Amino acid sequence: MTIDDLRVFAAVCRAGSLSAVARDLGCTQSAVSQHVKRLERELGLSLIERHPRGVVPTKAGRVLQAAVATGLGSIDHALHRIAELARGEGGSVRITTGATSIRHFMSGAVVAFRRRFPQVSLEFQTEVSSRSCLDSLTAGRVDLAWISLGTPVRGIDQRPVVDLPWVLAVAAGDPLAARDRIEPADLQDARLIGLPQNSVARSQLDSWLGKSDIRPVFDTSVADWDTAILLAELGLGHAVVPALPQWQGPGHPGLRLLPLPDLPALTAGWAIRDWENLCPLARAFADTVAAHCGADAPLPTTGPDTA
């Protein structure tokens, strides 16, 4: 059993396809299969099941997959950390987040960080959900993940940075636009633009609405907050979204954001594997983003219990 065997096995489980992994690695499908078969011979159990549309891990394979994801993630993180120590002030900081988060939360921080550390490369990997960001973090492919914070995840330290109040976005000419606030009852049977089903924001919104026995109708589903805002501003529906400063002012003359004060705020912040062993450059970038989001001090050195 080699580290390469484990890496290839983990890649097969993620892709669900031997041929896809072979293309990514620039080798033959037979070579990929040999890595998996070597593990199966040593362990004495089948690790994957072959189906017409790909492969899936067996029960034993899922156990190994979970262990490999954590173990290889720790090794890759350590190797990256050692390389950063060798390079001193040079090197890179690897961040994963949603496609629009850099513009909304990090643009000023990126400029400030690059002025302070001109030799450091910032590498951004965009994902479609907080879950995908956490998967990249667990696998050791990134140093930091900027996400909407949700339930605790074992082995992941979630550090809140900014609380985002919820608003109802409507067009300026909408009858609701003159309102000072929106009450929960106003959303009963309302037809809304829906946030992505797999997002933390959507799950928290659905939970709150369910506890309040509020049942709106989601007519349209969109991929991100910005698309929901665009449709609302065009008068194509109403959207319950977290309030972001960029949506107010002259850039959106046709948009009105009506406060929903009874809805608990959505918290955004950093997810980190191990804050104490995070490289100084990554910690400096995390603190820079927190400062530009309105925090007065660096992130705390101890986080919430994530067990």
Protein backbone atom coordinates (compact mmCIF):
# COMPACT_ATOMS: atom_id res chain seq x y z
CA MET A 1 0.00 0.00 0.00
CA THR A 2 1.44 3.36 -1.03
CA ILE A 3 0.37 6.99 -0.65
CA ASP A 4 -0.18 7.06 -4.41
CA ASP A 5 -2.58 4.11 -4.08
CA LEU A 6 -4.55 6.02 -1.47
CA ARG A 7 -4.53 9.24 -3.48
CA VAL A 8 -5.84 7.49 -6.58
CA PHE A 9 -8.49 5.62 -4.58
CA ALA A 10 -9.70 8.89 -3.03
CA ALA A 11 -9.82 10.48 -6.49
CA VAL A 12 -11.88 7.57 -7.84
CA CYS A 13 -14.36 7.89 -4.98
CA ARG A 14 -14.73 11.64 -5.60
CA ALA A 15 -15.10 11.33 -9.37
CA GLY A 16 -17.14 8.11 -9.41
CA SER A 17 -15.23 7.09 -12.52
CA LEU A 18 -11.97 5.29 -13.28
CA SER A 19 -11.72 6.84 -16.74
CA ALA A 20 -12.18 10.39 -15.43
CA VAL A 21 -9.33 9.93 -12.94
CA ALA A 22 -7.17 8.42 -15.70
CA ARG A 23 -7.76 11.53 -17.83
CA ASP A 24 -6.91 13.84 -14.93
CA LEU A 25 -3.70 11.92 -14.16
CA GLY A 26 -2.69 11.44 -17.78
CA CYS A 27 -2.50 7.66 -17.50
CA THR A 28 -4.50 4.61 -18.59
CA GLN A 29 -7.67 3.38 -16.93
CA SER A 30 -5.86 0.09 -16.30
CA ALA A 31 -3.19 1.92 -14.29
CA VAL A 32 -5.86 3.56 -12.15
CA SER A 33 -7.55 0.22 -11.62
CA GLN A 34 -4.24 -1.36 -10.51
CA HIS A 35 -3.93 1.17 -7.66
CA VAL A 36 -7.38 0.19 -6.37
CA LYS A 37 -6.79 -3.54 -6.84
CA ARG A 38 -3.53 -3.34 -4.87
CA LEU A 39 -5.43 -1.88 -1.91
CA GLU A 40 -8.16 -4.52 -2.23
CA ARG A 41 -5.61 -7.37 -2.23
CA GLU A 42 -3.87 -6.02 0.85
CA LEU A 43 -7.12 -5.40 2.76
CA GLY A 44 -8.89 -8.54 1.54
CA LEU A 45 -12.13 -6.70 0.69
CA SER A 46 -13.69 -5.03 -2.32
CA LEU A 47 -13.49 -1.25 -2.07
CA ILE A 48 -15.53 -0.16 -5.10
CA GLU A 49 -18.54 -1.47 -6.98
CA ARG A 50 -18.69 -1.05 -10.75
CA HIS A 51 -21.98 0.12 -12.28
CA PRO A 52 -22.90 1.06 -15.86
CA ARG A 53 -22.60 4.75 -15.03
CA GLY A 54 -19.45 4.61 -12.93
CA VAL A 55 -18.19 3.28 -9.61
CA VAL A 56 -19.23 3.78 -5.99
CA PRO A 57 -17.36 2.79 -2.81
CA THR A 58 -18.50 -0.29 -0.91
CA LYS A 59 -19.12 -0.15 2.84
CA ALA A 60 -15.43 -0.92 3.42
CA GLY A 61 -14.53 1.59 0.73
CA ARG A 62 -16.51 4.34 2.47
CA VAL A 63 -14.64 3.64 5.71
CA LEU A 64 -11.30 3.90 3.92
CA GLN A 65 -12.42 6.95 1.93
CA ALA A 66 -13.26 8.87 5.11
CA ALA A 67 -9.93 7.98 6.70
CA VAL A 68 -7.97 8.81 3.55
CA ALA A 69 -9.68 12.20 3.17
CA THR A 70 -8.65 13.20 6.68
CA GLY A 71 -5.21 11.58 6.64
CA LEU A 72 -4.08 12.78 3.22
CA GLY A 73 -5.54 16.19 3.93
CA SER A 74 -3.35 16.45 7.02
CA ILE A 75 -0.28 15.28 5.10
CA ASP A 76 -0.87 17.70 2.22
CA HIS A 77 -1.51 20.54 4.65
CA ALA A 78 1.72 19.74 6.49
CA LEU A 79 3.75 19.57 3.27
CA HIS A 80 2.34 22.90 2.15
CA ARG A 81 3.13 24.38 5.55
CA ILE A 82 6.73 23.09 5.40
CA ALA A 83 7.14 24.54 1.91
CA GLU A 84 5.89 27.90 3.18
CA LEU A 85 8.42 27.83 6.01
CA ALA A 86 11.18 27.12 3.52
CA ARG A 87 10.15 30.05 1.32
CA GLY A 88 9.86 32.53 4.19
CA GLU A 89 7.84 35.60 3.14
CA GLY A 90 7.14 34.12 -0.30
CA GLY A 91 4.73 31.32 -1.07
CA SER A 92 0.97 31.25 -1.39
CA VAL A 93 -2.30 31.31 0.51
CA ARG A 94 -5.02 29.02 -0.82
CA ILE A 95 -8.64 30.07 -0.27
CA THR A 96 -11.91 28.47 -1.32
CA THR A 97 -15.27 30.24 -1.36
CA GLY A 98 -18.33 30.92 -3.49
CA ALA A 99 -18.07 32.61 -6.86
CA THR A 100 -19.30 36.03 -5.67
CA SER A 101 -17.83 36.08 -2.16
CA ILE A 102 -14.52 37.64 -3.20
CA ARG A 103 -16.32 40.72 -4.54
CA HIS A 104 -18.66 41.02 -1.57
CA PHE A 105 -16.29 40.31 1.32
CA MET A 106 -12.65 40.33 0.21
CA SER A 107 -11.92 42.90 -2.52
CA GLY A 108 -10.49 45.53 -0.16
CA ALA A 109 -8.68 42.91 1.91
CA VAL A 110 -7.01 41.43 -1.18
CA VAL A 111 -5.60 44.84 -2.14
CA ALA A 112 -4.39 45.53 1.42
CA PHE A 113 -2.81 42.08 1.77
CA ARG A 114 -0.99 42.29 -1.56
CA ARG A 115 0.46 45.68 -0.62
CA ARG A 116 1.73 44.21 2.64
CA PHE A 117 2.98 40.94 1.12
CA PRO A 118 3.74 41.64 -2.56
CA GLN A 119 5.62 38.36 -3.02
CA VAL A 120 2.77 36.17 -1.80
CA SER A 121 0.39 34.53 -4.26
CA LEU A 122 -3.34 34.35 -3.40
CA GLU A 123 -4.91 31.26 -4.96
CA PHE A 124 -8.72 31.24 -5.04
CA GLN A 125 -10.79 28.12 -5.73
CA THR A 126 -14.50 28.74 -6.24
CA GLU A 127 -17.08 26.18 -5.13
CA VAL A 128 -20.85 25.95 -5.44
CA SER A 129 -21.65 25.41 -1.76
CA SER A 130 -20.24 25.59 1.77
CA ARG A 131 -20.20 21.78 1.79
CA SER A 132 -17.92 21.72 -1.26
CA CYS A 133 -15.65 24.30 0.39
CA LEU A 134 -15.40 22.13 3.50
CA ASP A 135 -14.57 19.08 1.36
CA SER A 136 -11.66 20.98 -0.22
CA LEU A 137 -10.50 22.07 3.22
CA THR A 138 -10.68 18.54 4.64
CA ALA A 139 -8.76 17.17 1.65
CA GLY A 140 -5.93 19.64 2.31
CA ARG A 141 -6.33 21.41 -1.06
CA VAL A 142 -6.78 24.83 0.60
CA ASP A 143 -5.73 26.68 3.75
CA LEU A 144 -8.92 28.66 4.37
CA ALA A 145 -12.59 28.35 3.45
CA TRP A 146 -14.94 31.36 3.55
CA ILE A 147 -18.46 30.00 4.11
CA SER A 148 -21.86 30.67 5.58
CA LEU A 149 -21.41 29.09 8.99
CA GLY A 150 -23.75 26.26 9.89
CA THR A 151 -23.73 23.28 12.21
CA PRO A 152 -20.38 22.20 13.74
CA VAL A 153 -18.24 19.83 11.66
CA ARG A 154 -15.81 17.45 13.36
CA GLY A 155 -12.21 18.46 12.74
CA ILE A 156 -13.12 21.89 11.36
CA ASP A 157 -12.81 25.15 13.30
CA GLN A 158 -15.50 27.66 12.27
CA ARG A 159 -14.71 31.27 13.17
CA PRO A 160 -17.48 33.87 12.74
CA VAL A 161 -16.52 37.17 11.14
CA VAL A 162 -19.69 39.02 10.13
CA ASP A 163 -23.42 38.75 10.85
CA LEU A 164 -25.65 39.46 7.88
CA PRO A 165 -29.23 40.61 8.60
CA TRP A 166 -31.91 39.36 6.24
CA VAL A 167 -33.90 41.61 3.94
CA LEU A 168 -36.68 41.28 1.40
CA ALA A 169 -35.43 42.55 -1.96
CA VAL A 170 -38.09 44.18 -4.15
CA ALA A 171 -38.14 46.49 -7.15
CA ALA A 172 -38.42 50.23 -6.43
CA GLY A 173 -41.86 50.36 -8.05
CA ASP A 174 -43.24 47.42 -6.04
CA PRO A 175 -46.16 48.17 -3.66
CA LEU A 176 -44.02 46.88 -0.77
CA ALA A 177 -41.17 49.28 -1.52
CA ALA A 178 -42.60 52.01 0.74
CA ARG A 179 -42.61 49.72 3.79
CA ASP A 180 -40.11 50.30 6.62
CA ARG A 181 -39.87 46.59 7.50
CA ILE A 182 -41.35 43.22 6.71
CA GLU A 183 -43.09 41.10 9.33
CA PRO A 184 -43.03 37.29 9.27
CA ALA A 185 -46.74 37.19 8.46
CA ASP A 186 -46.05 39.19 5.29
CA LEU A 187 -44.22 36.16 3.87
CA GLN A 188 -47.14 33.77 4.31
CA ASP A 189 -48.01 32.42 0.86
CA ALA A 190 -45.64 34.97 -0.74
CA ARG A 191 -44.10 33.94 -4.08
CA LEU A 192 -40.33 34.18 -3.66
CA ILE A 193 -37.16 33.67 -5.67
CA GLY A 194 -35.48 30.68 -4.03
CA LEU A 195 -31.84 30.51 -2.93
CA PRO A 196 -29.88 27.35 -3.88
CA GLN A 197 -31.31 24.25 -2.19
CA ASN A 198 -27.88 23.00 -1.07
CA SER A 199 -26.80 26.29 0.51
CA VAL A 200 -26.50 27.00 4.24
CA ALA A 201 -28.43 30.24 3.70
CA ARG A 202 -31.40 28.37 2.20
CA SER A 203 -31.41 25.68 4.89
CA GLN A 204 -31.35 28.26 7.69
CA LEU A 205 -34.08 30.30 6.01
CA ASP A 206 -36.27 27.22 5.52
CA SER A 207 -35.73 26.20 9.15
CA TRP A 208 -36.75 29.62 10.46
CA LEU A 209 -39.81 29.81 8.21
CA GLY A 210 -40.83 26.29 9.24
CA LYS A 211 -40.56 27.09 12.97
CA SER A 212 -42.66 30.21 12.40
CA ASP A 213 -45.20 28.19 10.38
CA ILE A 214 -44.60 30.50 7.41
CA ARG A 215 -45.03 28.82 4.04
CA PRO A 216 -44.02 30.93 1.06
CA VAL A 217 -43.99 29.58 -2.49
CA PHE A 218 -40.58 29.47 -4.21
CA ASP A 219 -41.34 30.10 -7.88
CA THR A 220 -37.77 30.37 -9.17
CA SER A 221 -34.52 28.80 -8.01
CA VAL A 222 -31.23 30.64 -8.62
CA ALA A 223 -27.56 29.77 -8.22
CA ASP A 224 -26.46 32.68 -6.03
CA TRP A 225 -27.50 35.79 -4.10
CA ASP A 226 -26.55 38.17 -6.93
CA THR A 227 -28.91 36.49 -9.39
CA ALA A 228 -31.75 36.70 -6.86
CA ILE A 229 -31.06 40.42 -6.43
CA LEU A 230 -30.99 41.00 -10.19
CA LEU A 231 -34.35 39.31 -10.71
CA ALA A 232 -35.88 41.25 -7.82
CA GLU A 233 -34.57 44.58 -9.16
CA LEU A 234 -36.04 43.76 -12.58
CA GLY A 235 -39.41 43.28 -10.95
CA LEU A 236 -39.49 39.53 -11.61
CA GLY A 237 -40.13 38.53 -8.02
CA HIS A 238 -39.21 39.09 -4.37
CA ALA A 239 -36.14 37.56 -2.72
CA VAL A 240 -35.23 37.00 0.92
CA VAL A 241 -31.46 37.45 1.01
CA PRO A 242 -28.70 38.50 3.43
CA ALA A 243 -28.12 42.27 3.26
CA LEU A 244 -24.82 43.18 1.60
CA PRO A 245 -23.52 46.77 1.41
CA GLN A 246 -22.84 46.54 -2.34
CA TRP A 247 -26.55 46.24 -3.06
CA GLN A 248 -27.39 49.66 -1.62
CA GLY A 249 -26.70 53.08 -3.11
CA PRO A 250 -26.36 54.36 -6.68
CA GLY A 251 -25.33 51.01 -8.12
CA HIS A 252 -28.86 49.64 -7.63
CA PRO A 253 -31.30 52.55 -8.14
CA GLY A 254 -34.19 50.21 -8.89
CA LEU A 255 -33.78 48.05 -5.78
CA ARG A 256 -35.21 48.32 -2.29
CA LEU A 257 -34.05 46.20 0.65
CA LEU A 258 -36.68 45.91 3.37
CA PRO A 259 -35.45 44.71 6.81
CA LEU A 260 -36.68 41.42 8.28
CA PRO A 261 -35.68 42.12 11.91
CA ASP A 262 -37.36 39.01 13.33
CA LEU A 263 -35.20 36.68 11.25
CA PRO A 264 -31.91 35.64 12.96
CA ALA A 265 -28.85 36.87 11.09
CA LEU A 266 -26.81 34.63 8.80
CA THR A 267 -23.19 34.39 9.95
CA ALA A 268 -20.31 34.25 7.47
CA GLY A 269 -16.71 33.54 8.38
CA TRP A 270 -13.70 31.28 8.11
CA ALA A 271 -13.43 27.52 8.33
CA ILE A 272 -9.94 26.22 9.17
CA ARG A 273 -8.56 22.74 9.81
CA ASP A 274 -6.18 23.78 12.60
CA TRP A 275 -5.80 27.44 13.52
CA GLU A 276 -2.70 26.86 15.65
CA ASN A 277 -0.84 25.22 12.75
CA LEU A 278 -2.13 27.59 10.08
CA CYS A 279 0.77 29.26 8.30
CA PRO A 280 1.35 32.89 9.37
CA LEU A 281 0.54 34.22 5.90
CA ALA A 282 -2.84 32.48 5.80
CA ARG A 283 -3.61 33.74 9.30
CA ALA A 284 -2.63 37.26 8.24
CA PHE A 285 -5.01 37.07 5.26
CA ALA A 286 -7.84 35.78 7.47
CA ASP A 287 -7.30 38.66 9.89
CA THR A 288 -7.14 41.18 7.04
CA VAL A 289 -10.51 40.04 5.70
CA ALA A 290 -12.00 40.18 9.21
CA ALA A 291 -10.72 43.75 9.64
CA HIS A 292 -12.21 44.85 6.32
CA CYS A 293 -15.53 43.25 7.28
CA GLY A 294 -15.70 45.52 10.33
CA ALA A 295 -13.98 43.46 13.03
CA ASP A 296 -11.77 45.58 15.29
CA ALA A 297 -9.30 42.84 16.26
CA PRO A 298 -7.67 39.71 14.80
CA LEU A 299 -9.64 36.49 14.96
CA PRO A 300 -9.44 34.74 18.35
CA THR A 301 -6.80 32.05 18.81
CA THR A 302 -9.34 29.57 20.15
CA GLY A 303 -12.57 28.65 18.48
CA PRO A 304 -15.84 26.89 19.30
CA ASP A 305 -15.99 23.20 20.13
CA THR A 306 -16.34 21.37 16.81
CA ALA A 307 -16.37 17.83 18.12
